[in-house]
Amino acid sequence: MIRILKYIVWILVLLCNVLYISAQTQVSVTATANRKQILIGEQIQLTLEAKLPLGVDMSWFPLDSIPHFDFVEKGKIDSSVTEDGKTFRQDVLITSFDSGTFVIPSLPLTVNNQKYLTDSIPIDVSYSKFNPNQDYHDIKDILEVQNPSVQYAIWVVIAITVLSLALFIYFIRKKKKIVEIKKEEEIVSKLSPYEEAMLALNELKKQDITDRYQVKLYYTQLNDIFKKFVFRKLQIAILSKTNDELIMQLRSVDIPRERFSQLSQTLRISDFVKFAKYTPDQTDNEDNFNIIRSSIDIINEIER
């Protein structure tokens, strides 16, 4: 009888080991990036996925910080259950403002107090291509500051004279300008939000972009056209909001996921151009213009 009990105990231990080993072999963790080369400020979609057997304890990947990368958005963790086990997935948007080749390190997933690591991912971050045909602006020599005290009097007289003349011309033309502005507003108000946006985009497309100032002005106007259209079409008070706040409010609008991602990227690039001195190339300018235009087409079809 004792020998039979020993056999039963050995069989149970062996069965537990087999089940444990089987459970361990079913754990699979992966990290993938949708692109491995970006320009500074562009976004990468990092997809984290784990396949686990049923009935195990799991601690998700820690996403506190990644050296040289900033988090733009951390998506929710989706899960699905099958007969073979449970699958978890999370999409994370990251970006970088440092140039060079960096590595997204291996990320740990803890299952039953044992860690499983993803593969590391090298990412190349670079500036936009340098255009050798653009004019070179050399550093100017240091200019000596002259003592202006002797010339103060004559410059004060000139300044007062010019200011008085400017004010005189301003008040003479002010009334005429007010009338012209009112007429222009009446014409614009007769257009639908879509017609007004398309008219403004067609005028913007005619502009030549040859230097950084014109690029900045181009993206400022492109951004304003889109925000004004959304304000008039959807009655969303966003004219004084930032682009990040606009993106958050547009999440409730029925825009296809891929188009919404492209639109969000374009709006962020507009901020990079205006505030981070980022200069996209001509191809990027055309792509961003087309994304804004097609997004307006999609939103115009939405019934509010």
C-alpha atoms as a PDB file:
ATOM      1  CA  MET A   1       0.000   0.000   0.000  1.00  0.00           C
ATOM      2  CA  ILE A   2       2.826   2.406   0.879  1.00  0.00           C
ATOM      3  CA  ARG A   3       4.558   1.632  -2.404  1.00  0.00           C
ATOM      4  CA  ILE A   4       1.352   2.429  -4.338  1.00  0.00           C
ATOM      5  CA  LEU A   5       1.081   5.784  -2.516  1.00  0.00           C
ATOM      6  CA  LYS A   6       4.684   6.573  -3.436  1.00  0.00           C
ATOM      7  CA  TYR A   7       3.945   5.861  -7.082  1.00  0.00           C
ATOM      8  CA  ILE A   8       0.888   8.131  -6.961  1.00  0.00           C
ATOM      9  CA  VAL A   9       2.954  10.947  -5.374  1.00  0.00           C
ATOM     10  CA  TRP A  10       5.707  10.566  -8.016  1.00  0.00           C
ATOM     11  CA  ILE A  11       3.115  10.614 -10.802  1.00  0.00           C
ATOM     12  CA  LEU A  12       1.527  13.801  -9.396  1.00  0.00           C
ATOM     13  CA  VAL A  13       4.926  15.498  -9.076  1.00  0.00           C
ATOM     14  CA  LEU A  14       5.834  14.509 -12.631  1.00  0.00           C
ATOM     15  CA  LEU A  15       2.477  15.759 -13.906  1.00  0.00           C
ATOM     16  CA  CYS A  16       2.939  19.120 -12.128  1.00  0.00           C
ATOM     17  CA  ASN A  17       6.402  19.489 -13.652  1.00  0.00           C
ATOM     18  CA  VAL A  18       5.067  18.730 -17.122  1.00  0.00           C
ATOM     19  CA  LEU A  19       2.262  21.257 -16.683  1.00  0.00           C
ATOM     20  CA  TYR A  20       4.715  23.856 -15.352  1.00  0.00           C
ATOM     21  CA  ILE A  21       7.145  23.337 -18.227  1.00  0.00           C
ATOM     22  CA  SER A  22       4.244  23.444 -20.691  1.00  0.00           C
ATOM     23  CA  ALA A  23       3.036  26.708 -19.180  1.00  0.00           C
ATOM     24  CA  GLN A  24       6.528  28.192 -19.401  1.00  0.00           C
ATOM     25  CA  THR A  25       6.920  27.243 -23.041  1.00  0.00           C
ATOM     26  CA  GLN A  26       3.642  28.957 -23.908  1.00  0.00           C
ATOM     27  CA  VAL A  27       4.830  32.378 -22.746  1.00  0.00           C
ATOM     28  CA  SER A  28       5.749  34.623 -25.680  1.00  0.00           C
ATOM     29  CA  VAL A  29       6.622  38.340 -25.540  1.00  0.00           C
ATOM     30  CA  THR A  30       7.398  40.632 -28.491  1.00  0.00           C
ATOM     31  CA  ALA A  31       8.057  44.324 -29.124  1.00  0.00           C
ATOM     32  CA  THR A  32       7.886  45.678 -32.668  1.00  0.00           C
ATOM     33  CA  ALA A  33       8.241  49.166 -34.171  1.00  0.00           C
ATOM     34  CA  ASN A  34       6.452  50.267 -37.333  1.00  0.00           C
ATOM     35  CA  ARG A  35       9.546  52.189 -38.455  1.00  0.00           C
ATOM     36  CA  LYS A  36      13.226  52.150 -37.576  1.00  0.00           C
ATOM     37  CA  GLN A  37      14.268  55.417 -39.238  1.00  0.00           C
ATOM     38  CA  ILE A  38      12.638  58.757 -38.397  1.00  0.00           C
ATOM     39  CA  LEU A  39      13.289  62.463 -38.577  1.00  0.00           C
ATOM     40  CA  ILE A  40      13.488  64.393 -35.334  1.00  0.00           C
ATOM     41  CA  GLY A  41       9.964  64.804 -33.919  1.00  0.00           C
ATOM     42  CA  GLU A  42       8.361  62.071 -36.024  1.00  0.00           C
ATOM     43  CA  GLN A  43       6.461  59.325 -34.246  1.00  0.00           C
ATOM     44  CA  ILE A  44       7.000  55.576 -33.902  1.00  0.00           C
ATOM     45  CA  GLN A  45       4.270  53.091 -33.053  1.00  0.00           C
ATOM     46  CA  LEU A  46       5.721  50.589 -30.604  1.00  0.00           C
ATOM     47  CA  THR A  47       3.538  47.472 -30.314  1.00  0.00           C
ATOM     48  CA  LEU A  48       3.933  45.301 -27.200  1.00  0.00           C
ATOM     49  CA  GLU A  49       2.390  41.833 -27.260  1.00  0.00           C
ATOM     50  CA  ALA A  50       2.344  38.913 -24.818  1.00  0.00           C
ATOM     51  CA  LYS A  51       0.855  35.440 -25.246  1.00  0.00           C
ATOM     52  CA  LEU A  52       0.300  33.613 -21.955  1.00  0.00           C
ATOM     53  CA  PRO A  53      -1.325  30.385 -20.787  1.00  0.00           C
ATOM     54  CA  LEU A  54      -4.514  30.668 -18.764  1.00  0.00           C
ATOM     55  CA  GLY A  55      -4.350  30.946 -14.993  1.00  0.00           C
ATOM     56  CA  VAL A  56      -0.957  32.666 -14.588  1.00  0.00           C
ATOM     57  CA  ASP A  57      -0.112  35.907 -12.771  1.00  0.00           C
ATOM     58  CA  MET A  58       1.272  38.614 -15.035  1.00  0.00           C
ATOM     59  CA  SER A  59       2.823  42.047 -14.496  1.00  0.00           C
ATOM     60  CA  TRP A  60       2.779  44.197 -17.660  1.00  0.00           C
ATOM     61  CA  PHE A  61       5.809  45.884 -19.208  1.00  0.00           C
ATOM     62  CA  PRO A  62       6.963  48.934 -17.162  1.00  0.00           C
ATOM     63  CA  LEU A  63       6.656  52.028 -19.350  1.00  0.00           C
ATOM     64  CA  ASP A  64       8.114  54.703 -17.085  1.00  0.00           C
ATOM     65  CA  SER A  65      10.801  55.990 -19.450  1.00  0.00           C
ATOM     66  CA  ILE A  66      12.903  55.010 -22.468  1.00  0.00           C
ATOM     67  CA  PRO A  67      16.278  56.798 -22.855  1.00  0.00           C
ATOM     68  CA  HIS A  68      16.330  59.343 -25.744  1.00  0.00           C
ATOM     69  CA  PHE A  69      12.587  58.829 -26.413  1.00  0.00           C
ATOM     70  CA  ASP A  70       9.461  60.634 -25.214  1.00  0.00           C
ATOM     71  CA  PHE A  71       6.016  59.119 -24.849  1.00  0.00           C
ATOM     72  CA  VAL A  72       3.333  60.747 -27.008  1.00  0.00           C
ATOM     73  CA  GLU A  73       0.468  58.399 -26.204  1.00  0.00           C
ATOM     74  CA  LYS A  74       0.084  55.152 -24.280  1.00  0.00           C
ATOM     75  CA  GLY A  75      -2.804  53.143 -25.673  1.00  0.00           C
ATOM     76  CA  LYS A  76      -4.921  50.871 -23.524  1.00  0.00           C
ATOM     77  CA  ILE A  77      -3.992  47.203 -23.062  1.00  0.00           C
ATOM     78  CA  ASP A  78      -6.287  45.004 -25.181  1.00  0.00           C
ATOM     79  CA  SER A  79      -6.753  41.308 -24.420  1.00  0.00           C
ATOM     80  CA  SER A  80      -8.310  38.301 -26.083  1.00  0.00           C
ATOM     81  CA  VAL A  81      -8.896  34.737 -24.837  1.00  0.00           C
ATOM     82  CA  THR A  82      -8.664  31.506 -26.837  1.00  0.00           C
ATOM     83  CA  GLU A  83      -8.442  27.830 -25.994  1.00  0.00           C
ATOM     84  CA  ASP A  84      -4.636  28.069 -26.123  1.00  0.00           C
ATOM     85  CA  GLY A  85      -4.336  30.945 -23.684  1.00  0.00           C
ATOM     86  CA  LYS A  86      -4.645  34.720 -23.406  1.00  0.00           C
ATOM     87  CA  THR A  87      -3.134  37.427 -25.622  1.00  0.00           C
ATOM     88  CA  PHE A  88      -2.393  40.986 -24.502  1.00  0.00           C
ATOM     89  CA  ARG A  89      -1.480  43.903 -26.804  1.00  0.00           C
ATOM     90  CA  GLN A  90      -0.693  47.588 -26.344  1.00  0.00           C
ATOM     91  CA  ASP A  91       0.190  50.262 -28.912  1.00  0.00           C
ATOM     92  CA  VAL A  92       2.457  53.061 -27.663  1.00  0.00           C
ATOM     93  CA  LEU A  93       3.395  56.203 -29.627  1.00  0.00           C
ATOM     94  CA  ILE A  94       6.899  57.543 -28.975  1.00  0.00           C
ATOM     95  CA  THR A  95       9.114  60.213 -30.531  1.00  0.00           C
ATOM     96  CA  SER A  96      12.649  61.543 -30.167  1.00  0.00           C
ATOM     97  CA  PHE A  97      14.242  64.992 -30.337  1.00  0.00           C
ATOM     98  CA  ASP A  98      17.825  63.675 -30.153  1.00  0.00           C
ATOM     99  CA  SER A  99      19.721  62.828 -33.339  1.00  0.00           C
ATOM    100  CA  GLY A 100      21.683  59.596 -33.597  1.00  0.00           C
ATOM    101  CA  THR A 101      21.194  55.848 -33.456  1.00  0.00           C
ATOM    102  CA  PHE A 102      19.480  54.762 -30.253  1.00  0.00           C
ATOM    103  CA  VAL A 103      18.134  51.468 -28.973  1.00  0.00           C
ATOM    104  CA  ILE A 104      14.753  50.741 -27.457  1.00  0.00           C
ATOM    105  CA  PRO A 105      15.986  48.330 -24.780  1.00  0.00           C
ATOM    106  CA  SER A 106      14.572  44.925 -23.967  1.00  0.00           C
ATOM    107  CA  LEU A 107      11.401  45.331 -21.920  1.00  0.00           C
ATOM    108  CA  PRO A 108      10.590  42.830 -19.129  1.00  0.00           C
ATOM    109  CA  LEU A 109       7.250  41.085 -18.608  1.00  0.00           C
ATOM    110  CA  THR A 110       6.881  39.239 -15.298  1.00  0.00           C
ATOM    111  CA  VAL A 111       4.926  35.961 -15.320  1.00  0.00           C
ATOM    112  CA  ASN A 112       4.709  33.929 -12.107  1.00  0.00           C
ATOM    113  CA  ASN A 113       7.718  35.850 -10.695  1.00  0.00           C
ATOM    114  CA  GLN A 114       9.801  35.045 -13.790  1.00  0.00           C
ATOM    115  CA  LYS A 115      10.847  37.773 -16.242  1.00  0.00           C
ATOM    116  CA  TYR A 116      10.614  37.431 -20.026  1.00  0.00           C
ATOM    117  CA  LEU A 117      12.421  40.000 -22.199  1.00  0.00           C
ATOM    118  CA  THR A 118      11.551  41.394 -25.607  1.00  0.00           C
ATOM    119  CA  ASP A 119      14.182  41.942 -28.280  1.00  0.00           C
ATOM    120  CA  SER A 120      15.866  45.362 -28.356  1.00  0.00           C
ATOM    121  CA  ILE A 121      15.066  47.620 -31.336  1.00  0.00           C
ATOM    122  CA  PRO A 122      17.621  50.013 -32.937  1.00  0.00           C
ATOM    123  CA  ILE A 123      16.168  53.332 -34.129  1.00  0.00           C
ATOM    124  CA  ASP A 124      17.945  55.873 -36.371  1.00  0.00           C
ATOM    125  CA  VAL A 125      16.907  59.494 -35.655  1.00  0.00           C
ATOM    126  CA  SER A 126      18.134  62.163 -38.065  1.00  0.00           C
ATOM    127  CA  TYR A 127      17.526  65.713 -39.282  1.00  0.00           C
ATOM    128  CA  SER A 128      15.846  66.528 -42.566  1.00  0.00           C
ATOM    129  CA  LYS A 129      18.143  66.422 -45.549  1.00  0.00           C
ATOM    130  CA  PHE A 130      20.389  69.455 -46.063  1.00  0.00           C
ATOM    131  CA  ASN A 131      19.750  71.368 -49.269  1.00  0.00           C
ATOM    132  CA  PRO A 132      23.096  72.598 -50.663  1.00  0.00           C
ATOM    133  CA  ASN A 133      21.273  74.887 -53.119  1.00  0.00           C
ATOM    134  CA  GLN A 134      19.971  77.131 -50.344  1.00  0.00           C
ATOM    135  CA  ASP A 135      21.783  80.376 -49.625  1.00  0.00           C
ATOM    136  CA  TYR A 136      24.498  80.178 -46.996  1.00  0.00           C
ATOM    137  CA  HIS A 137      24.235  82.755 -44.219  1.00  0.00           C
ATOM    138  CA  ASP A 138      27.644  83.366 -42.724  1.00  0.00           C
ATOM    139  CA  ILE A 139      28.179  84.627 -39.195  1.00  0.00           C
ATOM    140  CA  LYS A 140      28.303  88.412 -39.156  1.00  0.00           C
ATOM    141  CA  ASP A 141      31.230  90.292 -37.689  1.00  0.00           C
ATOM    142  CA  ILE A 142      30.827  91.987 -34.332  1.00  0.00           C
ATOM    143  CA  LEU A 143      29.646  95.543 -34.836  1.00  0.00           C
ATOM    144  CA  GLU A 144      30.957  98.329 -32.683  1.00  0.00           C
ATOM    145  CA  VAL A 145      28.293 100.173 -30.714  1.00  0.00           C
ATOM    146  CA  GLN A 146      28.453 103.901 -31.248  1.00  0.00           C
ATOM    147  CA  ASN A 147      27.536 106.390 -28.551  1.00  0.00           C
ATOM    148  CA  PRO A 148      24.065 107.606 -29.589  1.00  0.00           C
ATOM    149  CA  SER A 149      23.745 110.379 -27.004  1.00  0.00           C
ATOM    150  CA  VAL A 150      24.851 113.094 -29.470  1.00  0.00           C
ATOM    151  CA  GLN A 151      22.283 112.074 -32.063  1.00  0.00           C
ATOM    152  CA  TYR A 152      19.344 111.545 -29.689  1.00  0.00           C
ATOM    153  CA  ALA A 153      17.722 114.899 -30.336  1.00  0.00           C
ATOM    154  CA  ILE A 154      17.520 114.631 -34.125  1.00  0.00           C
ATOM    155  CA  TRP A 155      16.291 111.022 -33.963  1.00  0.00           C
ATOM    156  CA  VAL A 156      13.590 111.964 -31.466  1.00  0.00           C
ATOM    157  CA  VAL A 157      12.377 114.711 -33.798  1.00  0.00           C
ATOM    158  CA  ILE A 158      12.383 112.332 -36.774  1.00  0.00           C
ATOM    159  CA  ALA A 159      10.558 109.640 -34.787  1.00  0.00           C
ATOM    160  CA  ILE A 160       7.856 112.066 -33.616  1.00  0.00           C
ATOM    161  CA  THR A 161       7.388 113.381 -37.143  1.00  0.00           C
ATOM    162  CA  VAL A 162       7.107 109.893 -38.663  1.00  0.00           C
ATOM    163  CA  LEU A 163       4.733 108.743 -35.896  1.00  0.00           C
ATOM    164  CA  SER A 164       2.509 111.793 -36.346  1.00  0.00           C
ATOM    165  CA  LEU A 165       2.382 111.237 -40.100  1.00  0.00           C
ATOM    166  CA  ALA A 166       1.607 107.528 -39.625  1.00  0.00           C
ATOM    167  CA  LEU A 167      -1.221 108.295 -37.193  1.00  0.00           C
ATOM    168  CA  PHE A 168      -2.675 110.863 -39.573  1.00  0.00           C
ATOM    169  CA  ILE A 169      -2.672 108.395 -42.485  1.00  0.00           C
ATOM    170  CA  TYR A 170      -4.035 105.657 -40.197  1.00  0.00           C
ATOM    171  CA  PHE A 171      -7.071 107.638 -39.060  1.00  0.00           C
ATOM    172  CA  ILE A 172      -7.774 108.842 -42.605  1.00  0.00           C
ATOM    173  CA  ARG A 173      -7.812 105.273 -43.962  1.00  0.00           C
ATOM    174  CA  LYS A 174      -9.355 103.608 -40.922  1.00  0.00           C
ATOM    175  CA  LYS A 175     -12.932 104.246 -41.926  1.00  0.00           C
ATOM    176  CA  LYS A 176     -12.331 102.963 -45.450  1.00  0.00           C
ATOM    177  CA  LYS A 177     -10.671  99.784 -44.136  1.00  0.00           C
ATOM    178  CA  ILE A 178     -13.553  99.066 -41.769  1.00  0.00           C
ATOM    179  CA  VAL A 179     -15.997  99.212 -44.663  1.00  0.00           C
ATOM    180  CA  GLU A 180     -13.808  96.882 -46.768  1.00  0.00           C
ATOM    181  CA  ILE A 181     -13.445  94.396 -43.925  1.00  0.00           C
ATOM    182  CA  LYS A 182     -17.186  94.298 -43.369  1.00  0.00           C
ATOM    183  CA  LYS A 183     -17.756  93.621 -47.051  1.00  0.00           C
ATOM    184  CA  GLU A 184     -15.172  90.807 -46.992  1.00  0.00           C
ATOM    185  CA  GLU A 185     -16.803  89.247 -43.903  1.00  0.00           C
ATOM    186  CA  GLU A 186     -20.181  89.337 -45.608  1.00  0.00           C
ATOM    187  CA  ILE A 187     -18.739  87.486 -48.612  1.00  0.00           C
ATOM    188  CA  VAL A 188     -17.032  84.832 -46.451  1.00  0.00           C
ATOM    189  CA  SER A 189     -20.113  84.316 -44.277  1.00  0.00           C
ATOM    190  CA  LYS A 190     -22.125  83.403 -47.371  1.00  0.00           C
ATOM    191  CA  LEU A 191     -19.794  80.465 -48.026  1.00  0.00           C
ATOM    192  CA  SER A 192     -20.266  77.117 -46.310  1.00  0.00           C
ATOM    193  CA  PRO A 193     -17.464  75.963 -43.943  1.00  0.00           C
ATOM    194  CA  TYR A 194     -16.294  73.484 -46.587  1.00  0.00           C
ATOM    195  CA  GLU A 195     -16.338  76.043 -49.426  1.00  0.00           C
ATOM    196  CA  GLU A 196     -14.447  78.567 -47.316  1.00  0.00           C
ATOM    197  CA  ALA A 197     -11.815  75.963 -46.357  1.00  0.00           C
ATOM    198  CA  MET A 198     -11.332  74.765 -49.943  1.00  0.00           C
ATOM    199  CA  LEU A 199     -10.997  78.377 -51.168  1.00  0.00           C
ATOM    200  CA  ALA A 200      -8.360  79.095 -48.510  1.00  0.00           C
ATOM    201  CA  LEU A 201      -6.458  75.868 -49.291  1.00  0.00           C
ATOM    202  CA  ASN A 202      -6.376  76.662 -53.009  1.00  0.00           C
ATOM    203  CA  GLU A 203      -4.913  80.086 -52.254  1.00  0.00           C
ATOM    204  CA  LEU A 204      -2.376  78.570 -49.844  1.00  0.00           C
ATOM    205  CA  LYS A 205      -1.234  76.032 -52.440  1.00  0.00           C
ATOM    206  CA  LYS A 206      -0.224  78.866 -54.780  1.00  0.00           C
ATOM    207  CA  GLN A 207       2.373  80.157 -52.311  1.00  0.00           C
ATOM    208  CA  ASP A 208       6.068  79.521 -52.912  1.00  0.00           C
ATOM    209  CA  ILE A 209       8.044  78.113 -49.987  1.00  0.00           C
ATOM    210  CA  THR A 210      11.711  78.993 -50.329  1.00  0.00           C
ATOM    211  CA  ASP A 211      12.923  79.818 -46.800  1.00  0.00           C
ATOM    212  CA  ARG A 212      12.222  78.954 -43.174  1.00  0.00           C
ATOM    213  CA  TYR A 213      10.029  82.010 -42.561  1.00  0.00           C
ATOM    214  CA  GLN A 214       7.745  81.034 -45.443  1.00  0.00           C
ATOM    215  CA  VAL A 215       7.612  77.415 -44.167  1.00  0.00           C
ATOM    216  CA  LYS A 216       6.554  78.644 -40.733  1.00  0.00           C
ATOM    217  CA  LEU A 217       3.922  80.966 -42.245  1.00  0.00           C
ATOM    218  CA  TYR A 218       2.702  78.135 -44.521  1.00  0.00           C
ATOM    219  CA  TYR A 219       2.083  75.734 -41.617  1.00  0.00           C
ATOM    220  CA  THR A 220       0.514  78.472 -39.492  1.00  0.00           C
ATOM    221  CA  GLN A 221      -2.027  79.220 -42.250  1.00  0.00           C
ATOM    222  CA  LEU A 222      -2.624  75.494 -42.917  1.00  0.00           C
ATOM    223  CA  ASN A 223      -3.310  74.921 -39.230  1.00  0.00           C
ATOM    224  CA  ASP A 224      -5.627  77.953 -38.973  1.00  0.00           C
ATOM    225  CA  ILE A 225      -7.640  76.850 -42.021  1.00  0.00           C
ATOM    226  CA  PHE A 226      -8.296  73.455 -40.468  1.00  0.00           C
ATOM    227  CA  LYS A 227      -9.166  74.844 -37.016  1.00  0.00           C
ATOM    228  CA  LYS A 228     -11.569  77.419 -38.480  1.00  0.00           C
ATOM    229  CA  PHE A 229     -13.274  74.720 -40.568  1.00  0.00           C
ATOM    230  CA  VAL A 230     -13.706  72.458 -37.519  1.00  0.00           C
ATOM    231  CA  PHE A 231     -15.061  75.401 -35.516  1.00  0.00           C
ATOM    232  CA  ARG A 232     -17.666  76.299 -38.147  1.00  0.00           C
ATOM    233  CA  LYS A 233     -18.562  72.737 -39.173  1.00  0.00           C
ATOM    234  CA  LEU A 234     -18.637  70.934 -35.808  1.00  0.00           C
ATOM    235  CA  GLN A 235     -19.277  73.946 -33.542  1.00  0.00           C
ATOM    236  CA  ILE A 236     -16.287  72.972 -31.399  1.00  0.00           C
ATOM    237  CA  ALA A 237     -14.664  75.914 -29.597  1.00  0.00           C
ATOM    238  CA  ILE A 238     -11.037  75.197 -30.525  1.00  0.00           C
ATOM    239  CA  LEU A 239      -9.759  78.437 -32.065  1.00  0.00           C
ATOM    240  CA  SER A 240      -7.866  79.303 -28.879  1.00  0.00           C
ATOM    241  CA  LYS A 241      -6.919  75.703 -28.058  1.00  0.00           C
ATOM    242  CA  THR A 242      -3.605  73.975 -28.677  1.00  0.00           C
ATOM    243  CA  ASN A 243      -3.273  71.260 -31.302  1.00  0.00           C
ATOM    244  CA  ASP A 244      -2.992  68.596 -28.590  1.00  0.00           C
ATOM    245  CA  GLU A 245      -6.330  69.761 -27.153  1.00  0.00           C
ATOM    246  CA  LEU A 246      -7.812  69.758 -30.660  1.00  0.00           C
ATOM    247  CA  ILE A 247      -6.623  66.159 -31.200  1.00  0.00           C
ATOM    248  CA  MET A 248      -8.250  65.079 -27.929  1.00  0.00           C
ATOM    249  CA  GLN A 249     -11.587  66.655 -28.933  1.00  0.00           C
ATOM    250  CA  LEU A 250     -11.488  65.078 -32.404  1.00  0.00           C
ATOM    251  CA  ARG A 251     -11.321  61.598 -30.850  1.00  0.00           C
ATOM    252  CA  SER A 252     -15.108  61.728 -30.482  1.00  0.00           C
ATOM    253  CA  VAL A 253     -15.530  62.466 -34.204  1.00  0.00           C
ATOM    254  CA  ASP A 254     -16.109  59.518 -36.533  1.00  0.00           C
ATOM    255  CA  ILE A 255     -12.779  59.704 -38.409  1.00  0.00           C
ATOM    256  CA  PRO A 256     -11.142  56.465 -39.665  1.00  0.00           C
ATOM    257  CA  ARG A 257      -8.314  55.359 -37.370  1.00  0.00           C
ATOM    258  CA  GLU A 258      -5.560  55.551 -39.996  1.00  0.00           C
ATOM    259  CA  ARG A 259      -6.650  59.001 -41.176  1.00  0.00           C
ATOM    260  CA  PHE A 260      -6.928  60.226 -37.565  1.00  0.00           C
ATOM    261  CA  SER A 261      -3.362  59.074 -36.870  1.00  0.00           C
ATOM    262  CA  GLN A 262      -2.082  60.898 -39.978  1.00  0.00           C
ATOM    263  CA  LEU A 263      -4.030  64.048 -39.054  1.00  0.00           C
ATOM    264  CA  SER A 264      -2.630  63.996 -35.498  1.00  0.00           C
ATOM    265  CA  GLN A 265       0.898  63.670 -36.899  1.00  0.00           C
ATOM    266  CA  THR A 266       0.358  66.617 -39.278  1.00  0.00           C
ATOM    267  CA  LEU A 267      -0.964  68.857 -36.485  1.00  0.00           C
ATOM    268  CA  ARG A 268       2.027  67.990 -34.293  1.00  0.00           C
ATOM    269  CA  ILE A 269       4.448  68.657 -37.151  1.00  0.00           C
ATOM    270  CA  SER A 270       2.799  72.080 -37.487  1.00  0.00           C
ATOM    271  CA  ASP A 271       3.727  72.751 -33.845  1.00  0.00           C
ATOM    272  CA  PHE A 272       7.281  71.497 -34.429  1.00  0.00           C
ATOM    273  CA  VAL A 273       7.659  73.923 -37.342  1.00  0.00           C
ATOM    274  CA  LYS A 274       6.307  76.878 -35.360  1.00  0.00           C
ATOM    275  CA  PHE A 275       7.969  76.227 -32.000  1.00  0.00           C
ATOM    276  CA  ALA A 276      10.818  73.708 -32.419  1.00  0.00           C
ATOM    277  CA  LYS A 277      12.489  75.133 -35.559  1.00  0.00           C
ATOM    278  CA  TYR A 278      11.811  71.921 -37.475  1.00  0.00           C
ATOM    279  CA  THR A 279      11.972  72.336 -41.271  1.00  0.00           C
ATOM    280  CA  PRO A 280      10.236  69.605 -43.347  1.00  0.00           C
ATOM    281  CA  ASP A 281      11.100  69.068 -47.004  1.00  0.00           C
ATOM    282  CA  GLN A 282       8.846  69.767 -50.003  1.00  0.00           C
ATOM    283  CA  THR A 283       7.499  66.208 -50.104  1.00  0.00           C
ATOM    284  CA  ASP A 284       6.433  66.459 -46.446  1.00  0.00           C
ATOM    285  CA  ASN A 285       4.771  69.813 -47.157  1.00  0.00           C
ATOM    286  CA  GLU A 286       2.694  68.286 -49.949  1.00  0.00           C
ATOM    287  CA  ASP A 287       1.815  65.209 -47.866  1.00  0.00           C
ATOM    288  CA  ASN A 288       0.696  67.321 -44.895  1.00  0.00           C
ATOM    289  CA  PHE A 289      -1.346  69.590 -47.173  1.00  0.00           C
ATOM    290  CA  ASN A 290      -3.124  66.570 -48.685  1.00  0.00           C
ATOM    291  CA  ILE A 291      -3.784  65.072 -45.233  1.00  0.00           C
ATOM    292  CA  ILE A 292      -5.464  68.297 -44.050  1.00  0.00           C
ATOM    293  CA  ARG A 293      -7.493  68.510 -47.258  1.00  0.00           C
ATOM    294  CA  SER A 294      -8.700  64.883 -47.137  1.00  0.00           C
ATOM    295  CA  SER A 295      -9.483  65.226 -43.406  1.00  0.00           C
ATOM    296  CA  ILE A 296     -11.691  68.226 -44.190  1.00  0.00           C
ATOM    297  CA  ASP A 297     -13.426  66.120 -46.872  1.00  0.00           C
ATOM    298  CA  ILE A 298     -14.098  63.357 -44.316  1.00  0.00           C
ATOM    299  CA  ILE A 299     -15.337  65.700 -41.579  1.00  0.00           C
ATOM    300  CA  ASN A 300     -17.548  67.527 -44.088  1.00  0.00           C
ATOM    301  CA  GLU A 301     -19.506  64.298 -44.646  1.00  0.00           C
ATOM    302  CA  ILE A 302     -20.261  63.940 -40.919  1.00  0.00           C
ATOM    303  CA  GLU A 303     -23.799  64.866 -39.922  1.00  0.00           C
ATOM    304  CA  ARG A 304     -23.950  66.976 -36.754  1.00  0.00           C
END
